[in-house]
Amino acid sequence: MQTKLLDKNGKESGTIELNEKIFNQKINKTLLWEAINAIRDNDRKGQASTKTKAEVRGGGKKPWRQKGIGWARHGSIRSPIWKGGGVVFGPKPRDYSSSIPKKKKLGALLVSLSVKAQENRILVIDEIDLDPPKTKNLTQILKEMKVEKTRTLVAVDEVSRNILLASRNVPYVELKKANDINCYDVLSAEYLLITRKGLDRLEQRCAARK
């Protein structure tokens, strides 16, 4: 398998061979579904909270006597049927996190990379040299690649200060270390732009966990 190799200015300089053990896996939609659900579950904060009748302030006194006035009986103005009362069966802080085996996580990552490789949406760049660290320099590189204003995952071996400063104001660019990307990151982006060193780091990561 081959893909485009770009120079530091974003211009095509040749092709590069992709490791078939990483970028040519059989597509397993069930595995992707399981891994993505686990990732999204772990991103949920679970901090939504409502107050029950016991937690709402006030309402200690019985609003009126039980009998003799012809009104419905009530014990507290903080009953759920009153305005300003407690909430019945409302949300409470909870833990939504879930986990899947490491082999499944890695397998899902390999499948997602294979999907991008089959769609010809993986670009390998020699390096990203942004000196000075200007946003327009990064957008110019992306424009040269014809992926400007397209959601792009940029995977590097190490996040330098320059690329961090240049990319943080570009809403359609997500910057991550190649060691930290997951299947959800890959599939959420239209293109995967990875540096040559980042590709080596990704291959080492996949080989070490098999």
Foldseek 3Di string as FASTA:
>chain_A
DKAFEAEQLQATDGIDDDDCVQQVDDADVVLLVVLVVQVVLQVDQQADDWFAQVRQPDFCQFPDDPDDPPDHGDRGCQHPVHVSHGDDPDGHRDRRHDDDDPVSQLVLQSNLNNVCVVVSQEYEYQDHDCVQLALVSVQSSCVSNVQHPFQEEEEEQDDDPSPCSNCPPRVRYHYDHLLPDTSCSSVVGSHYYYYPVSSVVNVVNSVVVD
